[in-house]
Amino acid sequence: MGWLKNWGHNQVRKGAIAARERGDATYVHTLAASADQIHQRYITAIESEGWKLTERHENPATPRQRWTLTFERTKA
């Protein structure tokens, strides 16, 4: 299970890394899962790439993208 967890974290970080390399000021990630523990794993992985969570928004009308996490670049 450790291999799968590492693969998942790498996939999550890829989008955050790409946004950082493009010079984007904000990064938006959507999730279907509602469990707080899963949110925290995603947040931790993305924040490890130099982003800071600024907003967490729920939209029940779109179940596949129910949660929207918005991040902004941290000052280096």
PDB file of N, CA and C in Angstrom:
ATOM      1  N   MET A   1       0.816  -1.190   0.000  1.00  0.00           N
ATOM      2  CA  MET A   1       0.000   0.000   0.000  1.00  0.00           C
ATOM      3  C   MET A   1       0.860   1.254   0.000  1.00  0.00           C
ATOM      4  N   GLY A   2       2.069   1.196   0.526  1.00  0.00           N
ATOM      5  CA  GLY A   2       2.956   2.347   0.565  1.00  0.00           C
ATOM      6  C   GLY A   2       3.301   2.861  -0.821  1.00  0.00           C
ATOM      7  N   TRP A   3       3.508   1.948  -1.768  1.00  0.00           N
ATOM      8  CA  TRP A   3       3.827   2.338  -3.142  1.00  0.00           C
ATOM      9  C   TRP A   3       2.683   3.127  -3.754  1.00  0.00           C
ATOM     10  N   LEU A   4       1.462   2.642  -3.561  1.00  0.00           N
ATOM     11  CA  LEU A   4       0.287   3.311  -4.119  1.00  0.00           C
ATOM     12  C   LEU A   4       0.106   4.700  -3.510  1.00  0.00           C
ATOM     13  N   LYS A   5       0.356   4.809  -2.216  1.00  0.00           N
ATOM     14  CA  LYS A   5       0.232   6.105  -1.538  1.00  0.00           C
ATOM     15  C   LYS A   5       1.255   7.095  -2.096  1.00  0.00           C
ATOM     16  N   ASN A   6       2.500   6.653  -2.284  1.00  0.00           N
ATOM     17  CA  ASN A   6       3.531   7.520  -2.844  1.00  0.00           C
ATOM     18  C   ASN A   6       3.191   7.938  -4.266  1.00  0.00           C
ATOM     19  N   TRP A   7       2.671   7.014  -5.068  1.00  0.00           N
ATOM     20  CA  TRP A   7       2.286   7.330  -6.437  1.00  0.00           C
ATOM     21  C   TRP A   7       1.196   8.401  -6.429  1.00  0.00           C
ATOM     22  N   GLY A   8       0.223   8.251  -5.560  1.00  0.00           N
ATOM     23  CA  GLY A   8      -0.869   9.211  -5.461  1.00  0.00           C
ATOM     24  C   GLY A   8      -0.377  10.594  -5.074  1.00  0.00           C
ATOM     25  N   HIS A   9       0.530  10.661  -4.106  1.00  0.00           N
ATOM     26  CA  HIS A   9       1.083  11.954  -3.689  1.00  0.00           C
ATOM     27  C   HIS A   9       1.849  12.605  -4.829  1.00  0.00           C
ATOM     28  N   ASN A  10       2.585  11.804  -5.595  1.00  0.00           N
ATOM     29  CA  ASN A  10       3.325  12.352  -6.731  1.00  0.00           C
ATOM     30  C   ASN A  10       2.381  12.913  -7.779  1.00  0.00           C
ATOM     31  N   GLN A  11       1.257  12.234  -8.018  1.00  0.00           N
ATOM     32  CA  GLN A  11       0.281  12.713  -8.988  1.00  0.00           C
ATOM     33  C   GLN A  11      -0.337  14.040  -8.538  1.00  0.00           C
ATOM     34  N   VAL A  12      -0.626  14.153  -7.259  1.00  0.00           N
ATOM     35  CA  VAL A  12      -1.207  15.381  -6.717  1.00  0.00           C
ATOM     36  C   VAL A  12      -0.215  16.531  -6.870  1.00  0.00           C
ATOM     37  N   ARG A  13       1.043  16.280  -6.582  1.00  0.00           N
ATOM     38  CA  ARG A  13       2.055  17.330  -6.624  1.00  0.00           C
ATOM     39  C   ARG A  13       2.374  17.783  -8.046  1.00  0.00           C
ATOM     40  N   LYS A  14       2.155  16.918  -9.042  1.00  0.00           N
ATOM     41  CA  LYS A  14       2.487  17.285 -10.424  1.00  0.00           C
ATOM     42  C   LYS A  14       1.779  18.555 -10.869  1.00  0.00           C
ATOM     43  N   GLY A  15       0.495  18.665 -10.581  1.00  0.00           N
ATOM     44  CA  GLY A  15      -0.260  19.865 -10.956  1.00  0.00           C
ATOM     45  C   GLY A  15       0.249  21.100 -10.243  1.00  0.00           C
ATOM     46  N   ALA A  16       0.567  20.950  -8.960  1.00  0.00           N
ATOM     47  CA  ALA A  16       1.073  22.077  -8.177  1.00  0.00           C
ATOM     48  C   ALA A  16       2.446  22.517  -8.679  1.00  0.00           C
ATOM     49  N   ILE A  17       3.276  21.563  -9.041  1.00  0.00           N
ATOM     50  CA  ILE A  17       4.607  21.879  -9.568  1.00  0.00           C
ATOM     51  C   ILE A  17       4.480  22.594 -10.910  1.00  0.00           C
ATOM     52  N   ALA A  18       3.608  22.082 -11.783  1.00  0.00           N
ATOM     53  CA  ALA A  18       3.422  22.700 -13.101  1.00  0.00           C
ATOM     54  C   ALA A  18       2.925  24.141 -12.963  1.00  0.00           C
ATOM     55  N   ALA A  19       1.986  24.371 -12.065  1.00  0.00           N
ATOM     56  CA  ALA A  19       1.465  25.729 -11.853  1.00  0.00           C
ATOM     57  C   ALA A  19       2.565  26.648 -11.333  1.00  0.00           C
ATOM     58  N   ARG A  20       3.380  26.147 -10.430  1.00  0.00           N
ATOM     59  CA  ARG A  20       4.488  26.945  -9.888  1.00  0.00           C
ATOM     60  C   ARG A  20       5.482  27.293 -10.986  1.00  0.00           C
ATOM     61  N   GLU A  21       5.824  26.313 -11.839  1.00  0.00           N
ATOM     62  CA  GLU A  21       6.792  26.540 -12.902  1.00  0.00           C
ATOM     63  C   GLU A  21       6.264  27.492 -13.971  1.00  0.00           C
ATOM     64  N   ARG A  22       4.951  27.528 -14.178  1.00  0.00           N
ATOM     65  CA  ARG A  22       4.355  28.481 -15.116  1.00  0.00           C
ATOM     66  C   ARG A  22       4.313  29.886 -14.532  1.00  0.00           C
ATOM     67  N   GLY A  23       4.514  29.998 -13.224  1.00  0.00           N
ATOM     68  CA  GLY A  23       4.470  31.285 -12.563  1.00  0.00           C
ATOM     69  C   GLY A  23       3.074  31.692 -12.124  1.00  0.00           C
ATOM     70  N   ASP A  24       2.166  30.726 -12.053  1.00  0.00           N
ATOM     71  CA  ASP A  24       0.797  31.027 -11.627  1.00  0.00           C
ATOM     72  C   ASP A  24       0.778  31.524 -10.179  1.00  0.00           C
ATOM     73  N   ALA A  25      -0.111  32.460  -9.891  1.00  0.00           N
ATOM     74  CA  ALA A  25      -0.250  32.987  -8.535  1.00  0.00           C
ATOM     75  C   ALA A  25      -1.205  32.146  -7.698  1.00  0.00           C
ATOM     76  N   THR A  26      -2.151  31.446  -8.367  1.00  0.00           N
ATOM     77  CA  THR A  26      -3.103  30.596  -7.657  1.00  0.00           C
ATOM     78  C   THR A  26      -3.144  29.219  -8.304  1.00  0.00           C
ATOM     79  N   TYR A  27      -3.508  28.240  -7.510  1.00  0.00           N
ATOM     80  CA  TYR A  27      -3.660  26.861  -7.975  1.00  0.00           C
ATOM     81  C   TYR A  27      -4.968  26.336  -7.391  1.00  0.00           C
ATOM     82  N   VAL A  28      -5.807  25.758  -8.239  1.00  0.00           N
ATOM     83  CA  VAL A  28      -7.099  25.233  -7.801  1.00  0.00           C
ATOM     84  C   VAL A  28      -7.100  23.723  -8.024  1.00  0.00           C
ATOM     85  N   HIS A  29      -7.474  22.984  -6.981  1.00  0.00           N
ATOM     86  CA  HIS A  29      -7.545  21.525  -7.047  1.00  0.00           C
ATOM     87  C   HIS A  29      -8.949  21.107  -6.625  1.00  0.00           C
ATOM     88  N   THR A  30      -9.561  20.199  -7.383  1.00  0.00           N
ATOM     89  CA  THR A  30     -10.908  19.740  -7.027  1.00  0.00           C
ATOM     90  C   THR A  30     -10.864  18.296  -6.547  1.00  0.00           C
ATOM     91  N   LEU A  31     -11.761  17.987  -5.619  1.00  0.00           N
ATOM     92  CA  LEU A  31     -11.857  16.653  -5.022  1.00  0.00           C
ATOM     93  C   LEU A  31     -13.311  16.205  -4.962  1.00  0.00           C
ATOM     94  N   ALA A  32     -13.514  14.905  -5.070  1.00  0.00           N
ATOM     95  CA  ALA A  32     -14.844  14.339  -4.878  1.00  0.00           C
ATOM     96  C   ALA A  32     -15.034  13.885  -3.428  1.00  0.00           C
ATOM     97  N   ALA A  33     -13.951  13.465  -2.793  1.00  0.00           N
ATOM     98  CA  ALA A  33     -14.023  12.917  -1.432  1.00  0.00           C
ATOM     99  C   ALA A  33     -14.366  13.999  -0.418  1.00  0.00           C
ATOM    100  N   SER A  34     -15.186  13.638   0.551  1.00  0.00           N
ATOM    101  CA  SER A  34     -15.576  14.614   1.570  1.00  0.00           C
ATOM    102  C   SER A  34     -14.875  14.388   2.909  1.00  0.00           C
ATOM    103  N   ALA A  35     -14.132  13.309   3.049  1.00  0.00           N
ATOM    104  CA  ALA A  35     -13.468  13.008   4.317  1.00  0.00           C
ATOM    105  C   ALA A  35     -12.369  14.023   4.603  1.00  0.00           C
ATOM    106  N   ASP A  36     -12.388  14.574   5.801  1.00  0.00           N
ATOM    107  CA  ASP A  36     -11.407  15.583   6.189  1.00  0.00           C
ATOM    108  C   ASP A  36      -9.982  15.037   6.143  1.00  0.00           C
ATOM    109  N   GLN A  37      -9.813  13.758   6.462  1.00  0.00           N
ATOM    110  CA  GLN A  37      -8.482  13.143   6.442  1.00  0.00           C
ATOM    111  C   GLN A  37      -7.908  13.146   5.022  1.00  0.00           C
ATOM    112  N   ILE A  38      -8.748  12.882   4.036  1.00  0.00           N
ATOM    113  CA  ILE A  38      -8.293  12.898   2.643  1.00  0.00           C
ATOM    114  C   ILE A  38      -7.950  14.325   2.228  1.00  0.00           C
ATOM    115  N   HIS A  39      -8.777  15.282   2.607  1.00  0.00           N
ATOM    116  CA  HIS A  39      -8.481  16.686   2.298  1.00  0.00           C
ATOM    117  C   HIS A  39      -7.120  17.063   2.856  1.00  0.00           C
ATOM    118  N   GLN A  40      -6.859  16.674   4.093  1.00  0.00           N
ATOM    119  CA  GLN A  40      -5.604  17.048   4.739  1.00  0.00           C
ATOM    120  C   GLN A  40      -4.408  16.450   4.018  1.00  0.00           C
ATOM    121  N   ARG A  41      -4.527  15.243   3.498  1.00  0.00           N
ATOM    122  CA  ARG A  41      -3.422  14.635   2.739  1.00  0.00           C
ATOM    123  C   ARG A  41      -3.132  15.427   1.470  1.00  0.00           C
ATOM    124  N   TYR A  42      -4.192  15.808   0.762  1.00  0.00           N
ATOM    125  CA  TYR A  42      -4.013  16.614  -0.450  1.00  0.00           C
ATOM    126  C   TYR A  42      -3.401  17.965  -0.110  1.00  0.00           C
ATOM    127  N   ILE A  43      -3.925  18.604   0.924  1.00  0.00           N
ATOM    128  CA  ILE A  43      -3.431  19.919   1.326  1.00  0.00           C
ATOM    129  C   ILE A  43      -1.960  19.843   1.697  1.00  0.00           C
ATOM    130  N   THR A  44      -1.582  18.841   2.467  1.00  0.00           N
ATOM    131  CA  THR A  44      -0.189  18.675   2.881  1.00  0.00           C
ATOM    132  C   THR A  44       0.722  18.477   1.676  1.00  0.00           C
ATOM    133  N   ALA A  45       0.310  17.634   0.728  1.00  0.00           N
ATOM    134  CA  ALA A  45       1.120  17.372  -0.461  1.00  0.00           C
ATOM    135  C   ALA A  45       1.299  18.637  -1.299  1.00  0.00           C
ATOM    136  N   ILE A  46       0.239  19.394  -1.483  1.00  0.00           N
ATOM    137  CA  ILE A  46       0.311  20.609  -2.309  1.00  0.00           C
ATOM    138  C   ILE A  46       1.082  21.713  -1.583  1.00  0.00           C
ATOM    139  N   GLU A  47       0.870  21.852  -0.279  1.00  0.00           N
ATOM    140  CA  GLU A  47       1.607  22.866   0.469  1.00  0.00           C
ATOM    141  C   GLU A  47       3.103  22.565   0.515  1.00  0.00           C
ATOM    142  N   SER A  48       3.485  21.297   0.377  1.00  0.00           N
ATOM    143  CA  SER A  48       4.910  20.957   0.364  1.00  0.00           C
ATOM    144  C   SER A  48       5.601  21.479  -0.905  1.00  0.00           C
ATOM    145  N   GLU A  49       4.809  21.901  -1.884  1.00  0.00           N
ATOM    146  CA  GLU A  49       5.356  22.446  -3.129  1.00  0.00           C
ATOM    147  C   GLU A  49       5.323  23.975  -3.156  1.00  0.00           C
ATOM    148  N   GLY A  50       5.125  24.605  -2.002  1.00  0.00           N
ATOM    149  CA  GLY A  50       5.206  26.056  -1.919  1.00  0.00           C
ATOM    150  C   GLY A  50       3.884  26.789  -2.075  1.00  0.00           C
ATOM    151  N   TRP A  51       2.777  26.117  -1.810  1.00  0.00           N
ATOM    152  CA  TRP A  51       1.451  26.729  -1.899  1.00  0.00           C
ATOM    153  C   TRP A  51       0.847  26.804  -0.507  1.00  0.00           C
ATOM    154  N   LYS A  52      -0.089  27.711  -0.301  1.00  0.00           N
ATOM    155  CA  LYS A  52      -0.795  27.862   0.971  1.00  0.00           C
ATOM    156  C   LYS A  52      -2.293  27.854   0.695  1.00  0.00           C
ATOM    157  N   LEU A  53      -3.024  27.002   1.398  1.00  0.00           N
ATOM    158  CA  LEU A  53      -4.474  26.916   1.236  1.00  0.00           C
ATOM    159  C   LEU A  53      -5.113  28.234   1.655  1.00  0.00           C
ATOM    160  N   THR A  54      -5.937  28.802   0.760  1.00  0.00           N
ATOM    161  CA  THR A  54      -6.616  30.054   1.070  1.00  0.00           C
ATOM    162  C   THR A  54      -8.125  29.891   1.143  1.00  0.00           C
ATOM    163  N   GLU A  55      -8.650  28.831   0.500  1.00  0.00           N
ATOM    164  CA  GLU A  55     -10.097  28.641   0.513  1.00  0.00           C
ATOM    165  C   GLU A  55     -10.443  27.180   0.273  1.00  0.00           C
ATOM    166  N   ARG A  56     -11.469  26.720   0.976  1.00  0.00           N
ATOM    167  CA  ARG A  56     -12.031  25.381   0.780  1.00  0.00           C
ATOM    168  C   ARG A  56     -13.531  25.569   0.593  1.00  0.00           C
ATOM    169  N   HIS A  57     -14.030  25.185  -0.571  1.00  0.00           N
ATOM    170  CA  HIS A  57     -15.425  25.459  -0.921  1.00  0.00           C
ATOM    171  C   HIS A  57     -16.117  24.172  -1.362  1.00  0.00           C
ATOM    172  N   GLU A  58     -17.329  23.946  -0.865  1.00  0.00           N
ATOM    173  CA  GLU A  58     -18.113  22.769  -1.252  1.00  0.00           C
ATOM    174  C   GLU A  58     -19.178  23.170  -2.271  1.00  0.00           C
ATOM    175  N   ASN A  59     -19.328  22.356  -3.315  1.00  0.00           N
ATOM    176  CA  ASN A  59     -20.368  22.562  -4.313  1.00  0.00           C
ATOM    177  C   ASN A  59     -21.090  21.232  -4.536  1.00  0.00           C
ATOM    178  N   PRO A  60     -22.187  20.964  -3.834  1.00  0.00           N
ATOM    179  CA  PRO A  60     -22.901  19.693  -3.946  1.00  0.00           C
ATOM    180  C   PRO A  60     -23.489  19.433  -5.330  1.00  0.00           C
ATOM    181  N   ALA A  61     -23.619  20.445  -6.156  1.00  0.00           N
ATOM    182  CA  ALA A  61     -24.199  20.282  -7.493  1.00  0.00           C
ATOM    183  C   ALA A  61     -23.268  19.515  -8.439  1.00  0.00           C
ATOM    184  N   THR A  62     -21.977  19.468  -8.114  1.00  0.00           N
ATOM    185  CA  THR A  62     -21.015  18.743  -8.963  1.00  0.00           C
ATOM    186  C   THR A  62     -20.324  17.664  -8.124  1.00  0.00           C
ATOM    187  N   PRO A  63     -20.918  16.469  -8.023  1.00  0.00           N
ATOM    188  CA  PRO A  63     -20.377  15.432  -7.133  1.00  0.00           C
ATOM    189  C   PRO A  63     -18.952  14.986  -7.465  1.00  0.00           C
ATOM    190  N   ARG A  64     -18.567  14.970  -8.734  1.00  0.00           N
ATOM    191  CA  ARG A  64     -17.208  14.547  -9.085  1.00  0.00           C
ATOM    192  C   ARG A  64     -16.167  15.604  -8.749  1.00  0.00           C
ATOM    193  N   GLN A  65     -16.605  16.812  -8.576  1.00  0.00           N
ATOM    194  CA  GLN A  65     -15.723  17.910  -8.183  1.00  0.00           C
ATOM    195  C   GLN A  65     -16.377  18.679  -7.039  1.00  0.00           C
ATOM    196  N   ARG A  66     -16.782  17.917  -6.034  1.00  0.00           N
ATOM    197  CA  ARG A  66     -17.587  18.472  -4.940  1.00  0.00           C
ATOM    198  C   ARG A  66     -16.839  19.525  -4.133  1.00  0.00           C
ATOM    199  N   TRP A  67     -15.558  19.329  -3.920  1.00  0.00           N
ATOM    200  CA  TRP A  67     -14.761  20.241  -3.107  1.00  0.00           C
ATOM    201  C   TRP A  67     -13.753  20.957  -3.984  1.00  0.00           C
ATOM    202  N   THR A  68     -13.637  22.246  -3.779  1.00  0.00           N
ATOM    203  CA  THR A  68     -12.638  23.043  -4.485  1.00  0.00           C
ATOM    204  C   THR A  68     -11.679  23.603  -3.455  1.00  0.00           C
ATOM    205  N   LEU A  69     -10.410  23.291  -3.638  1.00  0.00           N
ATOM    206  CA  LEU A  69      -9.350  23.795  -2.759  1.00  0.00           C
ATOM    207  C   LEU A  69      -8.573  24.832  -3.550  1.00  0.00           C
ATOM    208  N   THR A  70      -8.479  26.037  -3.031  1.00  0.00           N
ATOM    209  CA  THR A  70      -7.762  27.116  -3.702  1.00  0.00           C
ATOM    210  C   THR A  70      -6.501  27.441  -2.901  1.00  0.00           C
ATOM    211  N   PHE A  71      -5.385  27.498  -3.614  1.00  0.00           N
ATOM    212  CA  PHE A  71      -4.087  27.759  -2.999  1.00  0.00           C
ATOM    213  C   PHE A  71      -3.458  28.994  -3.632  1.00  0.00           C
ATOM    214  N   GLU A  72      -2.639  29.702  -2.869  1.00  0.00           N
ATOM    215  CA  GLU A  72      -1.848  30.802  -3.392  1.00  0.00           C
ATOM    216  C   GLU A  72      -0.385  30.519  -3.103  1.00  0.00           C
ATOM    217  N   ARG A  73       0.478  31.107  -3.935  1.00  0.00           N
ATOM    218  CA  ARG A  73       1.919  30.911  -3.744  1.00  0.00           C
ATOM    219  C   ARG A  73       2.360  31.530  -2.430  1.00  0.00           C
ATOM    220  N   THR A  74       3.222  30.832  -1.721  1.00  0.00           N
ATOM    221  CA  THR A  74       3.795  31.407  -0.505  1.00  0.00           C
ATOM    222  C   THR A  74       4.996  32.243  -0.902  1.00  0.00           C
ATOM    223  N   LYS A  75       5.300  33.199  -0.104  1.00  0.00           N
ATOM    224  CA  LYS A  75       6.474  34.049  -0.360  1.00  0.00           C
ATOM    225  C   LYS A  75       7.728  33.302   0.045  1.00  0.00           C
ATOM    226  N   ALA A  76       8.685  33.232  -0.850  1.00  0.00           N
ATOM    227  CA  ALA A  76       9.929  32.494  -0.569  1.00  0.00           C
ATOM    228  C   ALA A  76      10.911  33.334   0.208  1.00  0.00           C
TER     229      ALA A  76
END
